[in-house]
């Protein structure tokens, strides 16, 4: 039997594990201390962002945005502190 004759078979990951679900708008609004702070556009952007990041990351970002940081600045600061 020659070396390297075994072919690797790539398995498909189950759908549940393949993609992370988004947080709901109610959950995102719940992280904000001032419930009227987040606009619908901000919630939509944060929902999409939540697919790629943890709850800890999202909470930190929302807190920083409430204090006046922009979305991108809050994201970069949070990535330095908590990571993904």
PDB file of N, CA and C in Angstrom:
ATOM      1  N   UNK A   1       0.840  -1.168   0.000  1.00  0.00           N
ATOM      2  CA  UNK A   1       0.000   0.000   0.000  1.00  0.00           C
ATOM      3  C   UNK A   1       0.891   1.239   0.000  1.00  0.00           C
ATOM      4  N   UNK A   2       0.658   2.119  -0.945  1.00  0.00           N
ATOM      5  CA  UNK A   2       1.496   3.302  -1.085  1.00  0.00           C
ATOM      6  C   UNK A   2       1.042   4.408  -0.136  1.00  0.00           C
ATOM      7  N   UNK A   3       2.022   5.159   0.310  1.00  0.00           N
ATOM      8  CA  UNK A   3       1.687   6.295   1.173  1.00  0.00           C
ATOM      9  C   UNK A   3       0.976   7.377   0.368  1.00  0.00           C
ATOM     10  N   UNK A   4       0.031   8.045   1.018  1.00  0.00           N
ATOM     11  CA  UNK A   4      -0.665   9.151   0.363  1.00  0.00           C
ATOM     12  C   UNK A   4      -1.814   8.715  -0.520  1.00  0.00           C
ATOM     13  N   UNK A   5      -2.151   7.430  -0.509  1.00  0.00           N
ATOM     14  CA  UNK A   5      -3.248   6.979  -1.361  1.00  0.00           C
ATOM     15  C   UNK A   5      -4.609   7.236  -0.711  1.00  0.00           C
ATOM     16  N   UNK A   6      -4.601   7.472   0.594  1.00  0.00           N
ATOM     17  CA  UNK A   6      -5.870   7.748   1.270  1.00  0.00           C
ATOM     18  C   UNK A   6      -6.338   9.151   0.920  1.00  0.00           C
ATOM     19  N   UNK A   7      -7.543   9.259   0.447  1.00  0.00           N
ATOM     20  CA  UNK A   7      -8.099  10.566   0.124  1.00  0.00           C
ATOM     21  C   UNK A   7      -8.860  11.084   1.332  1.00  0.00           C
ATOM     22  N   UNK A   8      -8.679  12.355   1.595  1.00  0.00           N
ATOM     23  CA  UNK A   8      -9.417  12.969   2.689  1.00  0.00           C
ATOM     24  C   UNK A   8     -10.844  13.253   2.247  1.00  0.00           C
ATOM     25  N   UNK A   9     -11.767  12.910   3.101  1.00  0.00           N
ATOM     26  CA  UNK A   9     -13.169  13.162   2.797  1.00  0.00           C
ATOM     27  C   UNK A   9     -13.613  14.338   3.642  1.00  0.00           C
ATOM     28  N   UNK A  10     -14.089  15.374   2.982  1.00  0.00           N
ATOM     29  CA  UNK A  10     -14.531  16.562   3.702  1.00  0.00           C
ATOM     30  C   UNK A  10     -15.990  16.363   4.107  1.00  0.00           C
ATOM     31  N   UNK A  11     -16.231  16.400   5.408  1.00  0.00           N
ATOM     32  CA  UNK A  11     -17.596  16.235   5.902  1.00  0.00           C
ATOM     33  C   UNK A  11     -18.266  17.590   6.032  1.00  0.00           C
ATOM     34  N   UNK A  12     -19.550  17.599   5.795  1.00  0.00           N
ATOM     35  CA  UNK A  12     -20.301  18.830   5.968  1.00  0.00           C
ATOM     36  C   UNK A  12     -20.668  18.984   7.433  1.00  0.00           C
ATOM     37  N   UNK A  13     -20.542  20.201   7.928  1.00  0.00           N
ATOM     38  CA  UNK A  13     -20.890  20.494   9.305  1.00  0.00           C
ATOM     39  C   UNK A  13     -22.410  20.603   9.406  1.00  0.00           C
ATOM     40  N   UNK A  14     -23.002  20.094  10.490  1.00  0.00           N
ATOM     41  CA  UNK A  14     -24.451  20.249  10.649  1.00  0.00           C
ATOM     42  C   UNK A  14     -24.850  21.721  10.605  1.00  0.00           C
ATOM     43  N   UNK A  15     -26.041  21.988  10.101  1.00  0.00           N
ATOM     44  CA  UNK A  15     -26.494  23.359   9.898  1.00  0.00           C
ATOM     45  C   UNK A  15     -26.495  24.123  11.217  1.00  0.00           C
ATOM     46  N   UNK A  16     -26.878  23.472  12.317  1.00  0.00           N
ATOM     47  CA  UNK A  16     -26.927  24.148  13.612  1.00  0.00           C
ATOM     48  C   UNK A  16     -25.556  24.676  14.022  1.00  0.00           C
ATOM     49  N   UNK A  17     -24.508  23.935  13.723  1.00  0.00           N
ATOM     50  CA  UNK A  17     -23.166  24.336  14.107  1.00  0.00           C
ATOM     51  C   UNK A  17     -22.501  25.228  13.059  1.00  0.00           C
ATOM     52  N   UNK A  18     -22.983  25.168  11.842  1.00  0.00           N
ATOM     53  CA  UNK A  18     -22.344  25.896  10.748  1.00  0.00           C
ATOM     54  C   UNK A  18     -22.507  27.401  10.867  1.00  0.00           C
ATOM     55  N   UNK A  19     -23.668  27.846  11.327  1.00  0.00           N
ATOM     56  CA  UNK A  19     -23.875  29.288  11.439  1.00  0.00           C
ATOM     57  C   UNK A  19     -24.497  29.640  12.779  1.00  0.00           C
ATOM     58  N   UNK A  20     -24.109  30.774  13.280  1.00  0.00           N
ATOM     59  CA  UNK A  20     -24.614  31.250  14.560  1.00  0.00           C
ATOM     60  C   UNK A  20     -25.842  32.106  14.289  1.00  0.00           C
ATOM     61  N   UNK A  21     -26.845  31.981  15.116  1.00  0.00           N
ATOM     62  CA  UNK A  21     -28.045  32.777  14.902  1.00  0.00           C
ATOM     63  C   UNK A  21     -27.853  34.193  15.429  1.00  0.00           C
ATOM     64  N   UNK A  22     -28.638  35.089  14.908  1.00  0.00           N
ATOM     65  CA  UNK A  22     -28.582  36.486  15.332  1.00  0.00           C
ATOM     66  C   UNK A  22     -29.318  36.643  16.652  1.00  0.00           C
ATOM     67  N   UNK A  23     -28.908  37.615  17.424  1.00  0.00           N
ATOM     68  CA  UNK A  23     -29.673  37.987  18.603  1.00  0.00           C
ATOM     69  C   UNK A  23     -30.915  38.735  18.140  1.00  0.00           C
ATOM     70  N   UNK A  24     -32.001  38.629  18.891  1.00  0.00           N
ATOM     71  CA  UNK A  24     -33.214  39.351  18.497  1.00  0.00           C
ATOM     72  C   UNK A  24     -33.078  40.823  18.860  1.00  0.00           C
ATOM     73  N   UNK A  25     -33.913  41.633  18.262  1.00  0.00           N
ATOM     74  CA  UNK A  25     -33.895  43.063  18.541  1.00  0.00           C
ATOM     75  C   UNK A  25     -34.234  43.369  19.989  1.00  0.00           C
ATOM     76  N   UNK A  26     -35.137  42.573  20.577  1.00  0.00           N
ATOM     77  CA  UNK A  26     -35.521  42.778  21.980  1.00  0.00           C
ATOM     78  C   UNK A  26     -34.349  42.512  22.912  1.00  0.00           C
ATOM     79  N   UNK A  27     -33.563  41.494  22.609  1.00  0.00           N
ATOM     80  CA  UNK A  27     -32.398  41.165  23.430  1.00  0.00           C
ATOM     81  C   UNK A  27     -31.376  42.293  23.342  1.00  0.00           C
ATOM     82  N   UNK A  28     -31.143  42.777  22.145  1.00  0.00           N
ATOM     83  CA  UNK A  28     -30.172  43.857  21.946  1.00  0.00           C
ATOM     84  C   UNK A  28     -30.629  45.125  22.670  1.00  0.00           C
ATOM     85  N   UNK A  29     -31.914  45.453  22.548  1.00  0.00           N
ATOM     86  CA  UNK A  29     -32.437  46.627  23.263  1.00  0.00           C
ATOM     87  C   UNK A  29     -32.343  46.427  24.769  1.00  0.00           C
ATOM     88  N   UNK A  30     -32.445  45.188  25.232  1.00  0.00           N
ATOM     89  CA  UNK A  30     -32.359  44.879  26.655  1.00  0.00           C
ATOM     90  C   UNK A  30     -30.976  45.125  27.231  1.00  0.00           C
ATOM     91  N   UNK A  31     -29.936  45.066  26.407  1.00  0.00           N
ATOM     92  CA  UNK A  31     -28.572  45.303  26.881  1.00  0.00           C
ATOM     93  C   UNK A  31     -28.321  46.784  27.152  1.00  0.00           C
ATOM     94  N   UNK A  32     -29.104  47.660  26.528  1.00  0.00           N
ATOM     95  CA  UNK A  32     -28.904  49.098  26.704  1.00  0.00           C
ATOM     96  C   UNK A  32     -29.567  49.554  28.007  1.00  0.00           C
ATOM     97  N   UNK A  33     -28.882  50.416  28.744  1.00  0.00           N
ATOM     98  CA  UNK A  33     -29.455  50.946  29.987  1.00  0.00           C
ATOM     99  C   UNK A  33     -30.598  51.904  29.676  1.00  0.00           C
ATOM    100  N   UNK A  34     -30.393  52.754  28.670  1.00  0.00           N
ATOM    101  CA  UNK A  34     -31.442  53.660  28.219  1.00  0.00           C
ATOM    102  C   UNK A  34     -32.132  52.997  27.032  1.00  0.00           C
ATOM    103  N   UNK A  35     -33.348  52.506  27.237  1.00  0.00           N
ATOM    104  CA  UNK A  35     -34.036  51.704  26.216  1.00  0.00           C
ATOM    105  C   UNK A  35     -34.353  52.492  24.953  1.00  0.00           C
ATOM    106  N   UNK A  36     -34.476  53.820  25.045  1.00  0.00           N
ATOM    107  CA  UNK A  36     -34.801  54.630  23.878  1.00  0.00           C
ATOM    108  C   UNK A  36     -33.570  55.069  23.102  1.00  0.00           C
ATOM    109  N   UNK A  37     -32.391  54.684  23.579  1.00  0.00           N
ATOM    110  CA  UNK A  37     -31.136  55.112  22.959  1.00  0.00           C
ATOM    111  C   UNK A  37     -30.954  54.526  21.563  1.00  0.00           C
ATOM    112  N   UNK A  38     -31.217  53.232  21.406  1.00  0.00           N
ATOM    113  CA  UNK A  38     -30.943  52.555  20.142  1.00  0.00           C
ATOM    114  C   UNK A  38     -32.049  52.801  19.120  1.00  0.00           C
ATOM    115  N   UNK A  39     -31.660  53.282  17.950  1.00  0.00           N
ATOM    116  CA  UNK A  39     -32.626  53.459  16.869  1.00  0.00           C
ATOM    117  C   UNK A  39     -32.822  52.115  16.165  1.00  0.00           C
ATOM    118  N   UNK A  40     -33.835  52.036  15.323  1.00  0.00           N
ATOM    119  CA  UNK A  40     -34.101  50.802  14.584  1.00  0.00           C
ATOM    120  C   UNK A  40     -32.938  50.440  13.665  1.00  0.00           C
ATOM    121  N   UNK A  41     -32.303  51.461  13.074  1.00  0.00           N
ATOM    122  CA  UNK A  41     -31.162  51.217  12.192  1.00  0.00           C
ATOM    123  C   UNK A  41     -29.982  50.647  12.975  1.00  0.00           C
ATOM    124  N   UNK A  42     -29.749  51.175  14.190  1.00  0.00           N
ATOM    125  CA  UNK A  42     -28.660  50.670  15.025  1.00  0.00           C
ATOM    126  C   UNK A  42     -28.921  49.221  15.427  1.00  0.00           C
ATOM    127  N   UNK A  43     -30.161  48.933  15.785  1.00  0.00           N
ATOM    128  CA  UNK A  43     -30.518  47.566  16.193  1.00  0.00           C
ATOM    129  C   UNK A  43     -30.312  46.607  15.035  1.00  0.00           C
ATOM    130  N   UNK A  44     -30.697  47.017  13.837  1.00  0.00           N
ATOM    131  CA  UNK A  44     -30.526  46.162  12.656  1.00  0.00           C
ATOM    132  C   UNK A  44     -29.048  45.867  12.410  1.00  0.00           C
ATOM    133  N   UNK A  45     -28.218  46.896  12.526  1.00  0.00           N
ATOM    134  CA  UNK A  45     -26.774  46.727  12.311  1.00  0.00           C
ATOM    135  C   UNK A  45     -26.171  45.835  13.389  1.00  0.00           C
ATOM    136  N   UNK A  46     -26.580  46.022  14.635  1.00  0.00           N
ATOM    137  CA  UNK A  46     -26.071  45.204  15.738  1.00  0.00           C
ATOM    138  C   UNK A  46     -26.551  43.753  15.625  1.00  0.00           C
ATOM    139  N   UNK A  47     -27.760  43.551  15.130  1.00  0.00           N
ATOM    140  CA  UNK A  47     -28.259  42.178  14.928  1.00  0.00           C
ATOM    141  C   UNK A  47     -27.377  41.435  13.925  1.00  0.00           C
ATOM    142  N   UNK A  48     -27.064  42.081  12.814  1.00  0.00           N
ATOM    143  CA  UNK A  48     -26.191  41.467  11.812  1.00  0.00           C
ATOM    144  C   UNK A  48     -24.806  41.209  12.393  1.00  0.00           C
ATOM    145  N   UNK A  49     -24.329  42.148  13.186  1.00  0.00           N
ATOM    146  CA  UNK A  49     -23.007  42.039  13.803  1.00  0.00           C
ATOM    147  C   UNK A  49     -22.961  40.883  14.797  1.00  0.00           C
ATOM    148  N   UNK A  50     -24.098  40.594  15.434  1.00  0.00           N
ATOM    149  CA  UNK A  50     -24.128  39.557  16.467  1.00  0.00           C
ATOM    150  C   UNK A  50     -23.932  38.147  15.910  1.00  0.00           C
ATOM    151  N   UNK A  51     -24.059  37.973  14.604  1.00  0.00           N
ATOM    152  CA  UNK A  51     -23.812  36.655  14.002  1.00  0.00           C
ATOM    153  C   UNK A  51     -22.369  36.221  14.207  1.00  0.00           C
ATOM    154  N   UNK A  52     -21.474  37.201  14.253  1.00  0.00           N
ATOM    155  CA  UNK A  52     -20.045  36.911  14.262  1.00  0.00           C
ATOM    156  C   UNK A  52     -19.375  37.080  15.618  1.00  0.00           C
ATOM    157  N   UNK A  53     -20.134  37.537  16.629  1.00  0.00           N
ATOM    158  CA  UNK A  53     -19.517  37.852  17.913  1.00  0.00           C
ATOM    159  C   UNK A  53     -20.326  37.307  19.087  1.00  0.00           C
ATOM    160  N   UNK A  54     -19.657  37.228  20.232  1.00  0.00           N
ATOM    161  CA  UNK A  54     -20.277  36.668  21.430  1.00  0.00           C
ATOM    162  C   UNK A  54     -21.174  37.704  22.110  1.00  0.00           C
ATOM    163  N   UNK A  55     -21.967  37.217  23.066  1.00  0.00           N
ATOM    164  CA  UNK A  55     -22.856  38.083  23.819  1.00  0.00           C
ATOM    165  C   UNK A  55     -22.043  39.098  24.627  1.00  0.00           C
ATOM    166  N   UNK A  56     -20.924  38.662  25.188  1.00  0.00           N
ATOM    167  CA  UNK A  56     -20.055  39.554  25.957  1.00  0.00           C
ATOM    168  C   UNK A  56     -19.566  40.707  25.083  1.00  0.00           C
ATOM    169  N   UNK A  57     -19.190  40.393  23.868  1.00  0.00           N
ATOM    170  CA  UNK A  57     -18.736  41.397  22.909  1.00  0.00           C
ATOM    171  C   UNK A  57     -19.862  42.394  22.622  1.00  0.00           C
ATOM    172  N   UNK A  58     -21.057  41.882  22.392  1.00  0.00           N
ATOM    173  CA  UNK A  58     -22.183  42.733  22.041  1.00  0.00           C
ATOM    174  C   UNK A  58     -22.563  43.652  23.196  1.00  0.00           C
ATOM    175  N   UNK A  59     -22.586  43.133  24.407  1.00  0.00           N
ATOM    176  CA  UNK A  59     -22.914  43.950  25.576  1.00  0.00           C
ATOM    177  C   UNK A  59     -21.909  45.090  25.744  1.00  0.00           C
ATOM    178  N   UNK A  60     -20.641  44.771  25.576  1.00  0.00           N
ATOM    179  CA  UNK A  60     -19.599  45.778  25.713  1.00  0.00           C
ATOM    180  C   UNK A  60     -19.756  46.864  24.654  1.00  0.00           C
ATOM    181  N   UNK A  61     -20.020  46.460  23.434  1.00  0.00           N
ATOM    182  CA  UNK A  61     -20.186  47.422  22.345  1.00  0.00           C
ATOM    183  C   UNK A  61     -21.353  48.364  22.593  1.00  0.00           C
ATOM    184  N   UNK A  62     -22.465  47.819  23.021  1.00  0.00           N
ATOM    185  CA  UNK A  62     -23.655  48.639  23.254  1.00  0.00           C
ATOM    186  C   UNK A  62     -23.395  49.631  24.376  1.00  0.00           C
ATOM    187  N   UNK A  63     -22.703  49.181  25.426  1.00  0.00           N
ATOM    188  CA  UNK A  63     -22.362  50.078  26.526  1.00  0.00           C
ATOM    189  C   UNK A  63     -21.479  51.227  26.072  1.00  0.00           C
ATOM    190  N   UNK A  64     -20.505  50.926  25.224  1.00  0.00           N
ATOM    191  CA  UNK A  64     -19.606  51.963  24.721  1.00  0.00           C
ATOM    192  C   UNK A  64     -20.339  52.927  23.784  1.00  0.00           C
ATOM    193  N   UNK A  65     -21.264  52.397  22.994  1.00  0.00           N
ATOM    194  CA  UNK A  65     -22.031  53.243  22.085  1.00  0.00           C
ATOM    195  C   UNK A  65     -22.946  54.184  22.864  1.00  0.00           C
ATOM    196  N   UNK A  66     -23.453  53.728  24.000  1.00  0.00           N
ATOM    197  CA  UNK A  66     -24.294  54.586  24.837  1.00  0.00           C
ATOM    198  C   UNK A  66     -23.504  55.757  25.402  1.00  0.00           C
ATOM    199  N   UNK A  67     -22.226  55.525  25.616  1.00  0.00           N
ATOM    200  CA  UNK A  67     -21.377  56.587  26.167  1.00  0.00           C
ATOM    201  C   UNK A  67     -20.892  57.554  25.093  1.00  0.00           C
ATOM    202  N   UNK A  68     -21.286  57.324  23.835  1.00  0.00           N
ATOM    203  CA  UNK A  68     -20.978  58.284  22.779  1.00  0.00           C
ATOM    204  C   UNK A  68     -20.008  57.816  21.715  1.00  0.00           C
ATOM    205  N   UNK A  69     -19.502  56.591  21.791  1.00  0.00           N
ATOM    206  CA  UNK A  69     -18.578  56.102  20.769  1.00  0.00           C
ATOM    207  C   UNK A  69     -19.334  55.726  19.499  1.00  0.00           C
ATOM    208  N   UNK A  70     -18.647  55.789  18.384  1.00  0.00           N
ATOM    209  CA  UNK A  70     -19.235  55.338  17.132  1.00  0.00           C
ATOM    210  C   UNK A  70     -19.196  53.806  17.089  1.00  0.00           C
ATOM    211  N   UNK A  71     -19.915  53.240  16.142  1.00  0.00           N
ATOM    212  CA  UNK A  71     -19.983  51.785  16.010  1.00  0.00           C
ATOM    213  C   UNK A  71     -18.598  51.184  15.800  1.00  0.00           C
ATOM    214  N   UNK A  72     -17.849  51.747  14.861  1.00  0.00           N
ATOM    215  CA  UNK A  72     -16.535  51.178  14.528  1.00  0.00           C
ATOM    216  C   UNK A  72     -15.527  51.362  15.657  1.00  0.00           C
ATOM    217  N   UNK A  73     -15.569  52.502  16.329  1.00  0.00           N
ATOM    218  CA  UNK A  73     -14.659  52.752  17.451  1.00  0.00           C
ATOM    219  C   UNK A  73     -14.992  51.806  18.611  1.00  0.00           C
ATOM    220  N   UNK A  74     -16.292  51.637  18.896  1.00  0.00           N
ATOM    221  CA  UNK A  74     -16.716  50.724  19.963  1.00  0.00           C
ATOM    222  C   UNK A  74     -16.300  49.292  19.637  1.00  0.00           C
ATOM    223  N   UNK A  75     -16.395  48.927  18.370  1.00  0.00           N
ATOM    224  CA  UNK A  75     -16.001  47.579  17.954  1.00  0.00           C
ATOM    225  C   UNK A  75     -14.503  47.357  18.158  1.00  0.00           C
ATOM    226  N   UNK A  76     -13.695  48.312  17.728  1.00  0.00           N
ATOM    227  CA  UNK A  76     -12.242  48.129  17.849  1.00  0.00           C
ATOM    228  C   UNK A  76     -11.804  48.099  19.308  1.00  0.00           C
ATOM    229  N   UNK A  77     -12.397  48.938  20.158  1.00  0.00           N
ATOM    230  CA  UNK A  77     -12.072  48.932  21.589  1.00  0.00           C
ATOM    231  C   UNK A  77     -12.467  47.597  22.222  1.00  0.00           C
ATOM    232  N   UNK A  78     -13.639  47.092  21.857  1.00  0.00           N
ATOM    233  CA  UNK A  78     -14.124  45.831  22.406  1.00  0.00           C
ATOM    234  C   UNK A  78     -13.272  44.664  21.944  1.00  0.00           C
ATOM    235  N   UNK A  79     -12.822  44.711  20.703  1.00  0.00           N
ATOM    236  CA  UNK A  79     -11.968  43.633  20.193  1.00  0.00           C
ATOM    237  C   UNK A  79     -10.644  43.590  20.959  1.00  0.00           C
ATOM    238  N   UNK A  80     -10.130  44.754  21.326  1.00  0.00           N
ATOM    239  CA  UNK A  80      -8.887  44.799  22.105  1.00  0.00           C
ATOM    240  C   UNK A  80      -9.089  44.178  23.486  1.00  0.00           C
ATOM    241  N   UNK A  81     -10.247  44.455  24.094  1.00  0.00           N
ATOM    242  CA  UNK A  81     -10.485  44.019  25.464  1.00  0.00           C
ATOM    243  C   UNK A  81     -10.971  42.569  25.543  1.00  0.00           C
ATOM    244  N   UNK A  82     -12.007  42.226  24.754  1.00  0.00           N
ATOM    245  CA  UNK A  82     -12.634  40.910  24.860  1.00  0.00           C
ATOM    246  C   UNK A  82     -12.346  39.969  23.698  1.00  0.00           C
ATOM    247  N   UNK A  83     -12.011  40.524  22.566  1.00  0.00           N
ATOM    248  CA  UNK A  83     -11.858  39.691  21.379  1.00  0.00           C
ATOM    249  C   UNK A  83     -13.214  39.349  20.806  1.00  0.00           C
ATOM    250  N   UNK A  84     -13.271  38.250  20.144  1.00  0.00           N
ATOM    251  CA  UNK A  84     -14.494  37.888  19.436  1.00  0.00           C
ATOM    252  C   UNK A  84     -15.533  37.423  20.411  1.00  0.00           C
TER     253      UNK A  84
END
